Protein backbone atom coordinates (compact mmCIF):
# COMPACT_ATOMS: atom_id res chain seq x y z
CA UNK A 1 9.50 14.52 10.02
CA UNK A 2 8.79 10.89 10.96
CA UNK A 3 5.53 9.45 9.58
CA UNK A 4 3.87 6.15 10.52
CA UNK A 5 1.69 4.58 7.84
CA UNK A 6 -0.88 1.95 8.79
CA UNK A 7 -2.84 -0.55 6.73
CA UNK A 8 -5.32 -1.92 9.28
CA UNK A 9 -6.63 -5.45 9.28
CA UNK A 10 -7.80 -7.85 11.96
CA UNK A 11 -5.54 -10.66 10.78
CA UNK A 12 -2.64 -8.51 9.65
CA UNK A 13 -2.07 -4.81 10.21
CA UNK A 14 0.76 -3.50 8.09
CA UNK A 15 2.94 -0.65 9.29
CA UNK A 16 5.69 1.45 7.79
CA UNK A 17 7.81 4.28 9.13
CA UNK A 18 9.43 6.85 6.87
CA UNK A 19 11.33 10.09 7.29
CA UNK A 20 10.53 13.12 5.17
CA UNK A 21 13.04 15.94 4.85
CA UNK A 22 11.61 18.32 2.27
CA UNK A 23 11.21 16.25 -0.89
CA UNK A 24 13.61 13.58 0.32
CA UNK A 25 11.99 10.42 1.69
CA UNK A 26 13.82 7.65 3.48
CA UNK A 27 12.75 4.30 4.86
CA UNK A 28 13.12 3.68 8.57
CA UNK A 29 11.26 0.42 9.19
CA UNK A 30 8.26 -1.67 8.14
CA UNK A 31 6.48 -4.78 9.32
CA UNK A 32 3.15 -6.17 10.37
CA UNK A 33 1.12 -6.99 13.43
CA UNK A 34 -0.41 -10.46 13.11
CA UNK A 35 -3.20 -11.84 15.24
CA UNK A 36 -4.27 -15.46 15.65
CA UNK A 37 -7.74 -16.10 14.21
CA UNK A 38 -8.34 -18.59 17.05
CA UNK A 39 -8.14 -15.77 19.61
CA UNK A 40 -11.26 -13.96 20.79
CA UNK A 41 -12.02 -10.75 18.90
CA UNK A 42 -11.33 -8.56 21.93
CA UNK A 43 -7.94 -10.22 22.45
CA UNK A 44 -7.00 -9.69 18.81
CA UNK A 45 -7.93 -6.00 19.00
CA UNK A 46 -5.94 -5.66 22.22
CA UNK A 47 -2.88 -7.23 20.56
CA UNK A 48 -3.09 -4.69 17.73
CA UNK A 49 -3.36 -1.85 20.26
CA UNK A 50 -0.43 -3.06 22.38
CA UNK A 51 1.91 -3.60 19.42
CA UNK A 52 0.91 -0.26 17.89
CA UNK A 53 1.67 1.43 21.21
CA UNK A 54 5.14 -0.16 21.15
CA UNK A 55 5.71 1.17 17.61
CA UNK A 56 4.60 4.67 18.62
CA UNK A 57 6.95 4.64 21.61
CA UNK A 58 9.88 3.29 19.59
CA UNK A 59 9.68 5.53 16.52
CA UNK A 60 7.96 8.62 18.00
CA UNK A 61 6.27 9.69 14.74
CA UNK A 62 5.14 13.27 14.28
CA UNK A 63 2.27 12.18 12.05
CA UNK A 64 0.38 9.05 11.10
CA UNK A 65 -1.77 7.96 8.20
CA UNK A 66 -4.37 5.20 7.97
CA UNK A 67 -5.95 3.62 4.93
CA UNK A 68 -9.73 3.99 4.83
CA UNK A 69 -12.05 0.98 4.95
CA UNK A 70 -13.31 -0.44 1.71
CA UNK A 71 -16.63 -2.26 1.71
CA UNK A 72 -16.50 -5.81 0.45
CA UNK A 73 -19.16 -8.41 -0.23
CA UNK A 74 -18.94 -9.93 3.27
CA UNK A 75 -20.49 -7.60 5.88
CA UNK A 76 -18.84 -9.50 8.76
CA UNK A 77 -15.38 -9.00 7.24
CA UNK A 78 -16.09 -5.32 6.69
CA UNK A 79 -17.22 -4.92 10.30
CA UNK A 80 -14.11 -6.66 11.67
CA UNK A 81 -11.89 -4.53 9.45
CA UNK A 82 -13.68 -1.45 10.75
CA UNK A 83 -13.06 -2.52 14.33
CA UNK A 84 -9.35 -3.03 13.66
CA UNK A 85 -9.24 0.36 11.93
CA UNK A 86 -10.91 1.97 14.95
CA UNK A 87 -8.25 0.55 17.26
CA UNK A 88 -5.51 1.87 14.97
CA UNK A 89 -7.08 5.34 14.71
CA UNK A 90 -7.54 5.54 18.48
CA UNK A 91 -4.03 4.29 19.20
CA UNK A 92 -2.36 6.75 16.84
CA UNK A 93 -4.48 9.73 17.92
CA UNK A 94 -3.95 8.95 21.60
CA UNK A 95 -0.42 10.35 21.28
CA UNK A 96 -1.73 13.69 20.05
CA UNK A 97 -0.19 13.44 16.57
CA UNK A 98 -1.99 14.38 13.37
CA UNK A 99 -3.67 11.33 11.81
CA UNK A 100 -4.59 11.44 8.13
CA UNK A 101 -7.02 9.07 6.43
CA UNK A 102 -6.76 8.15 2.76
CA UNK A 103 -8.72 5.93 0.40
CA UNK A 104 -6.92 3.15 -1.46
CA UNK A 105 -7.54 5.03 -4.70
CA UNK A 106 -5.91 8.20 -3.32
CA UNK A 107 -2.92 6.19 -2.08
CA UNK A 108 -2.43 4.52 -5.47
CA UNK A 109 -2.77 7.83 -7.30
CA UNK A 110 -0.27 9.53 -4.97
CA UNK A 111 2.35 6.78 -5.25
CA UNK A 112 1.90 5.48 -8.81
CA UNK A 113 0.04 8.29 -10.55
CA UNK A 114 -3.16 6.36 -11.29
CA UNK A 115 -5.93 5.39 -8.89
CA UNK A 116 -6.43 1.91 -10.32
CA UNK A 117 -2.80 0.75 -10.03
CA UNK A 118 -2.10 -2.90 -9.22
CA UNK A 119 -0.36 -3.92 -5.98
CA UNK A 120 2.83 -4.85 -7.84
CA UNK A 121 2.94 -1.36 -9.39
CA UNK A 122 2.61 0.22 -5.94
CA UNK A 123 5.40 -1.99 -4.57
CA UNK A 124 7.66 -1.16 -7.53
CA UNK A 125 7.18 2.58 -6.94
CA UNK A 126 7.86 2.19 -3.21
CA UNK A 127 11.19 0.58 -4.08
CA UNK A 128 11.99 3.58 -6.29
CA UNK A 129 10.85 6.19 -3.76
CA UNK A 130 12.54 4.43 -0.83
CA UNK A 131 15.79 2.98 -2.25
CA UNK A 132 17.07 -0.13 -0.50
CA UNK A 133 13.77 -0.88 1.24
CA UNK A 134 13.15 -4.53 2.08
CA UNK A 135 9.39 -5.03 2.26
CA UNK A 136 8.04 -7.24 5.05
CA UNK A 137 5.01 -8.12 2.89
CA UNK A 138 2.05 -6.64 1.01
CA UNK A 139 0.48 -5.10 4.11
CA UNK A 140 3.74 -3.39 5.06
CA UNK A 141 4.12 -2.12 1.48
CA UNK A 142 0.60 -0.71 1.60
CA UNK A 143 1.39 0.99 4.92
CA UNK A 144 4.51 2.62 3.45
CA UNK A 145 2.41 3.82 0.51
CA UNK A 146 -0.08 5.38 2.96
CA UNK A 147 2.79 7.14 4.78
CA UNK A 148 4.14 8.50 1.46
CA UNK A 149 0.65 9.72 0.58
CA UNK A 150 0.44 11.56 3.89
CA UNK A 151 3.72 13.34 3.19
CA UNK A 152 2.50 14.44 -0.26
CA UNK A 153 -0.85 15.66 1.06
CA UNK A 154 0.63 17.51 4.04
CA UNK A 155 2.66 19.71 1.68
CA UNK A 156 -0.49 21.10 0.05
């Protein structure tokens, strides 16, 4: 089964594609979609949608997983993150695949074993779970962690 993990953000949306064959996980690809902060909001959201569509067509995942929004101290940032997340949810669900949603705490607990794990702990575990992976950055690592979480939760 091919799973696409997504860590949405207006500036950078991380993505990661893994294959799950029983308990065996393997890395397929990871990267990020970057938007220019000088672009209009609608154009940035469109760029995320178009690049996500390309990923969906290229990798043809059978499932997708998206990290849930966390609320931060800046309401404007939270709103923009929510808009980017909406585009990602719509784009993934448009293909008819199952789309799971997981909190950051659930992702950390699934990958590391504790819900308050640091980013470097998550990245270290990803390298163990997906041997040979070359991470395209923190957002891509988070997206791979979300994909791994989806695999673990689908088995239940």
